[in-house]
Amino acid sequence: MGFDHVDVQAIVRALDKELEVRHKSFFTPIEANTILSALGLLKDNPKIPGKNLRLVLNAGKLPHAYKLGGIKSHWVIPHSSMRRALDKPYVD
């Protein structure tokens, strides 16, 4: 998947807004990709929900998102104002 057509700033704005509206502290990639797909910002993979967003996360395009740690750990996508102390997310 190429990232030339992915508007990262629009993705961050959309997810931040949805976190605020839904009063949530974070989204999982599946939740977030469903929202982004509905908004036309990032098509979801129907066979593997959340895969396209995980590719974006693994490429480090959302620096405020992070893995809880370790192999097979889950991505956490908080509000962009909640930056981690680490500059880069953990990637297996």
N, C-alpha and C. Protein backbone atom coordinates (compact mmCIF):
# COMPACT_ATOMS: atom_id res chain seq x y z
N MET A 1 0.85 -1.18 0.00
CA MET A 1 0.00 0.00 0.00
C MET A 1 0.89 1.23 0.00
N GLY A 2 0.67 2.12 -0.95
CA GLY A 2 1.41 3.37 -0.98
C GLY A 2 0.71 4.40 -0.10
N PHE A 3 1.48 5.33 0.42
CA PHE A 3 0.91 6.32 1.32
C PHE A 3 0.80 7.70 0.69
N ASP A 4 1.05 7.79 -0.62
CA ASP A 4 0.99 9.09 -1.29
C ASP A 4 -0.42 9.67 -1.26
N HIS A 5 -1.42 8.82 -1.32
CA HIS A 5 -2.81 9.29 -1.36
C HIS A 5 -3.45 9.39 0.02
N VAL A 6 -2.72 9.04 1.07
CA VAL A 6 -3.26 9.07 2.42
C VAL A 6 -3.04 10.46 3.02
N ASP A 7 -4.13 11.11 3.40
CA ASP A 7 -4.06 12.44 4.03
C ASP A 7 -3.98 12.25 5.53
N VAL A 8 -2.76 12.16 6.05
CA VAL A 8 -2.53 11.86 7.46
C VAL A 8 -3.15 12.93 8.35
N GLN A 9 -3.03 14.18 7.98
CA GLN A 9 -3.60 15.25 8.80
C GLN A 9 -5.12 15.13 8.89
N ALA A 10 -5.78 14.79 7.79
CA ALA A 10 -7.23 14.61 7.80
C ALA A 10 -7.61 13.41 8.66
N ILE A 11 -6.81 12.35 8.61
CA ILE A 11 -7.06 11.17 9.44
C ILE A 11 -6.96 11.53 10.92
N VAL A 12 -5.92 12.25 11.28
CA VAL A 12 -5.73 12.64 12.68
C VAL A 12 -6.88 13.53 13.15
N ARG A 13 -7.25 14.51 12.33
CA ARG A 13 -8.37 15.40 12.71
C ARG A 13 -9.66 14.62 12.89
N ALA A 14 -9.94 13.70 11.97
CA ALA A 14 -11.18 12.92 12.03
C ALA A 14 -11.21 12.03 13.27
N LEU A 15 -10.11 11.36 13.55
CA LEU A 15 -10.08 10.47 14.72
C LEU A 15 -10.14 11.27 16.01
N ASP A 16 -9.45 12.41 16.08
CA ASP A 16 -9.54 13.26 17.26
C ASP A 16 -10.99 13.70 17.51
N LYS A 17 -11.65 14.12 16.46
CA LYS A 17 -13.04 14.57 16.59
C LYS A 17 -13.94 13.44 17.08
N GLU A 18 -13.77 12.24 16.51
CA GLU A 18 -14.61 11.10 16.91
C GLU A 18 -14.32 10.66 18.35
N LEU A 19 -13.06 10.73 18.77
CA LEU A 19 -12.74 10.43 20.16
C LEU A 19 -13.46 11.39 21.10
N GLU A 20 -13.48 12.67 20.74
CA GLU A 20 -14.15 13.67 21.56
C GLU A 20 -15.66 13.44 21.58
N VAL A 21 -16.25 13.22 20.42
CA VAL A 21 -17.70 13.02 20.32
C VAL A 21 -18.13 11.78 21.10
N ARG A 22 -17.34 10.72 21.01
CA ARG A 22 -17.70 9.45 21.64
C ARG A 22 -17.20 9.33 23.08
N HIS A 23 -16.49 10.36 23.55
CA HIS A 23 -15.94 10.38 24.91
C HIS A 23 -15.09 9.13 25.19
N LYS A 24 -14.23 8.82 24.23
CA LYS A 24 -13.33 7.67 24.36
C LYS A 24 -11.90 8.18 24.54
N SER A 25 -11.06 7.36 25.15
CA SER A 25 -9.66 7.76 25.31
C SER A 25 -8.78 7.25 24.18
N PHE A 26 -9.25 6.21 23.46
CA PHE A 26 -8.48 5.70 22.33
C PHE A 26 -9.36 4.83 21.45
N PHE A 27 -8.86 4.55 20.23
CA PHE A 27 -9.48 3.60 19.32
C PHE A 27 -8.50 2.48 19.05
N THR A 28 -9.03 1.32 18.68
CA THR A 28 -8.22 0.25 18.13
C THR A 28 -8.15 0.48 16.62
N PRO A 29 -7.24 -0.17 15.92
CA PRO A 29 -7.19 0.00 14.47
C PRO A 29 -8.49 -0.40 13.77
N ILE A 30 -9.17 -1.43 14.26
CA ILE A 30 -10.42 -1.85 13.62
C ILE A 30 -11.48 -0.77 13.78
N GLU A 31 -11.62 -0.23 14.99
CA GLU A 31 -12.59 0.84 15.22
C GLU A 31 -12.27 2.07 14.37
N ALA A 32 -10.99 2.46 14.40
CA ALA A 32 -10.57 3.66 13.68
C ALA A 32 -10.71 3.50 12.17
N ASN A 33 -10.33 2.34 11.64
CA ASN A 33 -10.41 2.14 10.19
C ASN A 33 -11.86 2.12 9.72
N THR A 34 -12.78 1.61 10.55
CA THR A 34 -14.20 1.63 10.22
C THR A 34 -14.69 3.07 10.09
N ILE A 35 -14.28 3.92 11.01
CA ILE A 35 -14.65 5.34 10.97
C ILE A 35 -14.06 6.00 9.73
N LEU A 36 -12.78 5.78 9.50
CA LEU A 36 -12.09 6.41 8.37
C LEU A 36 -12.66 5.95 7.04
N SER A 37 -13.03 4.69 6.95
CA SER A 37 -13.63 4.17 5.73
C SER A 37 -14.99 4.84 5.47
N ALA A 38 -15.79 4.98 6.52
CA ALA A 38 -17.10 5.63 6.39
C ALA A 38 -16.97 7.08 5.94
N LEU A 39 -15.88 7.73 6.35
CA LEU A 39 -15.63 9.12 5.98
C LEU A 39 -14.92 9.26 4.63
N GLY A 40 -14.53 8.13 4.04
CA GLY A 40 -13.84 8.16 2.76
C GLY A 40 -12.38 8.55 2.86
N LEU A 41 -11.80 8.43 4.05
CA LEU A 41 -10.41 8.83 4.24
C LEU A 41 -9.41 7.69 4.08
N LEU A 42 -9.83 6.46 4.41
CA LEU A 42 -8.94 5.31 4.29
C LEU A 42 -9.81 4.06 4.16
N LYS A 43 -9.78 3.48 3.00
CA LYS A 43 -10.58 2.29 2.73
C LYS A 43 -10.15 1.15 3.66
N ASP A 44 -11.12 0.43 4.19
CA ASP A 44 -10.81 -0.70 5.05
C ASP A 44 -10.68 -1.96 4.21
N ASN A 45 -10.02 -2.95 4.74
CA ASN A 45 -9.88 -4.24 4.09
C ASN A 45 -10.98 -5.15 4.63
N PRO A 46 -11.98 -5.52 3.80
CA PRO A 46 -13.11 -6.30 4.32
C PRO A 46 -12.72 -7.69 4.82
N LYS A 47 -11.65 -8.25 4.31
CA LYS A 47 -11.22 -9.58 4.74
C LYS A 47 -10.42 -9.53 6.04
N ILE A 48 -9.71 -8.43 6.25
CA ILE A 48 -8.89 -8.27 7.46
C ILE A 48 -9.14 -6.85 7.99
N PRO A 49 -10.23 -6.66 8.75
CA PRO A 49 -10.57 -5.32 9.23
C PRO A 49 -9.42 -4.65 9.98
N GLY A 50 -9.19 -3.38 9.68
CA GLY A 50 -8.14 -2.62 10.33
C GLY A 50 -6.77 -2.76 9.70
N LYS A 51 -6.62 -3.64 8.73
CA LYS A 51 -5.30 -3.90 8.15
C LYS A 51 -4.70 -2.65 7.51
N ASN A 52 -5.49 -1.92 6.74
CA ASN A 52 -4.93 -0.76 6.05
C ASN A 52 -4.45 0.31 7.03
N LEU A 53 -5.18 0.49 8.12
CA LEU A 53 -4.72 1.45 9.12
C LEU A 53 -3.48 0.92 9.84
N ARG A 54 -3.42 -0.37 10.10
CA ARG A 54 -2.22 -0.93 10.74
C ARG A 54 -0.99 -0.72 9.85
N LEU A 55 -1.16 -0.78 8.54
CA LEU A 55 -0.04 -0.50 7.64
C LEU A 55 0.44 0.94 7.80
N VAL A 56 -0.51 1.85 7.94
CA VAL A 56 -0.17 3.27 8.17
C VAL A 56 0.53 3.41 9.52
N LEU A 57 0.03 2.73 10.53
CA LEU A 57 0.64 2.79 11.87
C LEU A 57 2.05 2.21 11.85
N ASN A 58 2.22 1.07 11.20
CA ASN A 58 3.55 0.45 11.13
C ASN A 58 4.56 1.31 10.39
N ALA A 59 4.08 2.15 9.49
CA ALA A 59 4.96 3.07 8.76
C ALA A 59 5.30 4.31 9.59
N GLY A 60 4.71 4.41 10.79
CA GLY A 60 5.02 5.54 11.68
C GLY A 60 4.33 6.83 11.28
N LYS A 61 3.23 6.75 10.53
CA LYS A 61 2.55 7.95 10.05
C LYS A 61 1.71 8.65 11.12
N LEU A 62 1.36 7.94 12.19
CA LEU A 62 0.61 8.55 13.30
C LEU A 62 1.50 8.48 14.54
N PRO A 63 2.37 9.47 14.74
CA PRO A 63 3.37 9.37 15.79
C PRO A 63 2.81 9.32 17.21
N HIS A 64 1.56 9.71 17.40
CA HIS A 64 0.97 9.66 18.73
C HIS A 64 0.39 8.27 19.06
N ALA A 65 0.26 7.41 18.05
CA ALA A 65 -0.23 6.04 18.26
C ALA A 65 0.93 5.17 18.71
N TYR A 66 0.62 4.15 19.48
CA TYR A 66 1.69 3.30 19.99
C TYR A 66 1.17 1.88 20.25
N LYS A 67 2.11 0.96 20.37
CA LYS A 67 1.80 -0.41 20.77
C LYS A 67 2.02 -0.51 22.27
N LEU A 68 1.21 -1.33 22.90
CA LEU A 68 1.35 -1.49 24.35
C LEU A 68 2.66 -2.14 24.72
N GLY A 69 3.30 -2.81 23.76
CA GLY A 69 4.62 -3.38 23.99
C GLY A 69 4.68 -4.86 23.67
N GLY A 70 5.82 -5.27 23.15
CA GLY A 70 6.04 -6.68 22.88
C GLY A 70 5.45 -7.15 21.56
N ILE A 71 5.89 -8.32 21.16
CA ILE A 71 5.40 -8.93 19.92
C ILE A 71 3.93 -9.26 20.08
N LYS A 72 3.19 -9.08 19.03
CA LYS A 72 1.75 -9.37 18.99
C LYS A 72 0.92 -8.44 19.87
N SER A 73 1.49 -7.33 20.30
CA SER A 73 0.72 -6.40 21.12
C SER A 73 -0.20 -5.57 20.23
N HIS A 74 -1.13 -4.92 20.86
CA HIS A 74 -2.16 -4.18 20.14
C HIS A 74 -1.81 -2.70 20.03
N TRP A 75 -2.22 -2.12 18.90
CA TRP A 75 -2.06 -0.69 18.69
C TRP A 75 -3.11 0.06 19.50
N VAL A 76 -2.72 1.21 20.00
CA VAL A 76 -3.60 2.13 20.70
C VAL A 76 -3.51 3.46 19.96
N ILE A 77 -4.66 4.01 19.59
CA ILE A 77 -4.68 5.29 18.87
C ILE A 77 -5.42 6.30 19.75
N PRO A 78 -4.67 7.05 20.56
CA PRO A 78 -5.29 8.05 21.42
C PRO A 78 -5.49 9.36 20.67
N HIS A 79 -6.03 10.34 21.34
CA HIS A 79 -6.13 11.70 20.79
C HIS A 79 -4.72 12.18 20.50
N SER A 80 -4.56 12.94 19.44
CA SER A 80 -3.22 13.38 19.04
C SER A 80 -2.56 14.29 20.08
N SER A 81 -3.34 14.85 20.98
CA SER A 81 -2.76 15.69 22.04
C SER A 81 -2.10 14.84 23.12
N MET A 82 -2.33 13.54 23.10
CA MET A 82 -1.78 12.63 24.09
C MET A 82 -0.52 11.97 23.54
N ARG A 83 0.52 12.73 23.36
CA ARG A 83 1.76 12.22 22.79
C ARG A 83 2.52 11.40 23.81
N ARG A 84 3.12 10.32 23.34
CA ARG A 84 3.94 9.48 24.20
C ARG A 84 5.32 10.11 24.37
N ALA A 85 6.00 9.69 25.40
CA ALA A 85 7.35 10.18 25.64
C ALA A 85 8.32 9.70 24.56
N LEU A 86 8.01 8.55 23.97
CA LEU A 86 8.87 8.02 22.92
C LEU A 86 8.61 8.75 21.61
N ASP A 87 9.63 8.97 20.83
CA ASP A 87 9.47 9.64 19.54
C ASP A 87 8.80 8.75 18.51
N LYS A 88 9.04 7.45 18.58
CA LYS A 88 8.51 6.53 17.59
C LYS A 88 7.76 5.41 18.29
N PRO A 89 6.69 4.92 17.66
CA PRO A 89 5.97 3.79 18.26
C PRO A 89 6.78 2.50 18.17
N TYR A 90 6.48 1.56 19.03
CA TYR A 90 7.11 0.25 18.96
C TYR A 90 6.57 -0.48 17.74
N VAL A 91 7.44 -1.05 16.96
CA VAL A 91 7.03 -1.83 15.77
C VAL A 91 7.77 -3.14 15.82
N ASP A 92 7.02 -4.28 15.68
CA ASP A 92 7.71 -5.56 15.70
C ASP A 92 8.46 -5.78 14.42
